[in-house]
Amino acid sequence: MLAEYESRIPAVLAREAPGANALGALAWVRAKALWIESQPLGKQRSRDLDDEPFIAAPLAANAKAIVSHDNDLLALKKPFGIPTMRPAAFLLWLRDQ
């Protein structure tokens, strides 16, 4: 899952938050990431079956947010009460915490 962030965050932040430090954001993600073993969710929650791990992992980790640029995940808004947001919105949310 981290490889997807590393491949997409720089371009997304350059477009959505030009002043943001993409390398700093990636370093923060690497430093703060919690590697967990998630369990299947049971029934499919997302329109895209490949997105299920991106819901199951935050749920298993008791995450405060799901950061994604995937429209299928973002459409869920708050699966299991966990807000989904784009990377730039996450940085703003994090700043305000």
Protein backbone atom coordinates (compact mmCIF):
# COMPACT_ATOMS: atom_id res chain seq x y z
CA MET A 1 0.00 0.00 0.00
CA LEU A 2 2.88 2.39 0.70
CA ALA A 3 4.17 2.04 -2.87
CA GLU A 4 0.90 3.48 -4.15
CA TYR A 5 1.29 6.53 -1.91
CA GLU A 6 4.91 7.00 -2.97
CA SER A 7 3.98 6.85 -6.64
CA ARG A 8 1.03 9.24 -6.41
CA ILE A 9 1.47 11.72 -3.56
CA PRO A 10 4.03 14.01 -5.24
CA ALA A 11 1.88 14.68 -8.33
CA VAL A 12 -1.34 15.02 -6.35
CA LEU A 13 0.17 17.47 -3.85
CA ALA A 14 1.79 19.49 -6.64
CA ARG A 15 -1.65 19.90 -8.19
CA GLU A 16 -3.85 20.24 -5.10
CA ALA A 17 -1.51 21.86 -2.57
CA PRO A 18 1.39 23.46 -4.46
CA GLY A 19 3.07 24.71 -1.30
CA ALA A 20 3.07 21.30 0.40
CA ASN A 21 6.31 19.39 0.86
CA ALA A 22 5.71 16.01 -0.84
CA LEU A 23 8.98 14.52 0.38
CA GLY A 24 8.21 15.62 3.92
CA ALA A 25 4.72 14.15 3.67
CA LEU A 26 6.10 10.82 2.44
CA ALA A 27 8.74 10.79 5.18
CA TRP A 28 6.00 11.39 7.73
CA VAL A 29 3.90 8.53 6.33
CA ARG A 30 6.90 6.18 6.42
CA ALA A 31 7.74 7.17 10.00
CA LYS A 32 4.16 6.94 11.29
CA ALA A 33 2.90 3.93 9.31
CA LEU A 34 1.64 1.03 11.37
CA TRP A 35 1.99 -2.30 9.58
CA ILE A 36 -0.93 -4.50 10.50
CA GLU A 37 -2.56 -7.70 9.34
CA SER A 38 -6.14 -6.91 8.37
CA GLN A 39 -9.04 -9.34 8.20
CA PRO A 40 -11.61 -9.68 5.42
CA LEU A 41 -14.59 -7.35 5.86
CA GLY A 42 -17.23 -9.96 5.08
CA LYS A 43 -19.42 -8.41 2.43
CA GLN A 44 -17.94 -6.08 -0.18
CA ARG A 45 -18.02 -2.44 0.97
CA SER A 46 -16.48 -0.60 -1.99
CA ARG A 47 -17.51 -0.52 -5.65
CA ASP A 48 -14.00 -1.83 -6.44
CA LEU A 49 -13.04 -5.14 -4.84
CA ASP A 50 -9.35 -4.13 -5.01
CA ASP A 51 -10.10 -1.31 -2.55
CA GLU A 52 -11.24 -3.61 0.25
CA PRO A 53 -7.76 -3.79 1.88
CA PHE A 54 -7.74 0.02 2.01
CA ILE A 55 -10.83 -0.18 4.23
CA ALA A 56 -9.90 -3.30 6.21
CA ALA A 57 -6.43 -2.11 7.20
CA PRO A 58 -7.52 1.24 8.70
CA LEU A 59 -10.37 -0.50 10.49
CA ALA A 60 -8.01 -3.07 12.02
CA ALA A 61 -5.56 -0.33 13.00
CA ASN A 62 -8.19 1.90 14.61
CA ALA A 63 -7.21 4.65 12.15
CA LYS A 64 -8.49 8.20 12.46
CA ALA A 65 -8.65 8.73 8.66
CA ILE A 66 -8.27 7.02 5.30
CA VAL A 67 -6.14 9.02 2.89
CA SER A 68 -6.85 8.28 -0.74
CA HIS A 69 -7.15 9.74 -4.18
CA ASP A 70 -9.37 6.85 -5.28
CA ASN A 71 -12.89 8.00 -6.12
CA ASP A 72 -14.42 4.65 -5.12
CA LEU A 73 -12.98 4.97 -1.61
CA LEU A 74 -13.80 8.66 -1.34
CA ALA A 75 -17.41 7.91 -2.32
CA LEU A 76 -17.78 5.85 0.86
CA LYS A 77 -17.23 9.06 2.90
CA LYS A 78 -16.97 7.39 6.36
CA PRO A 79 -16.75 3.58 6.15
CA PHE A 80 -17.10 2.25 9.69
CA GLY A 81 -16.99 5.87 10.90
CA ILE A 82 -13.50 6.51 9.49
CA PRO A 83 -13.46 9.64 7.28
CA THR A 84 -11.91 9.30 3.84
CA MET A 85 -10.11 12.29 2.36
CA ARG A 86 -7.71 13.31 -0.36
CA PRO A 87 -4.04 13.80 0.59
CA ALA A 88 -4.19 17.60 0.50
CA ALA A 89 -7.33 17.62 2.65
CA PHE A 90 -5.59 15.25 5.07
CA LEU A 91 -2.66 17.65 5.47
CA LEU A 92 -5.07 20.47 6.27
CA TRP A 93 -7.03 18.22 8.65
CA LEU A 94 -3.81 17.12 10.33
CA ARG A 95 -2.67 20.72 10.77
CA ASP A 96 -5.92 21.52 12.57
CA GLN A 97 -5.71 18.54 14.97
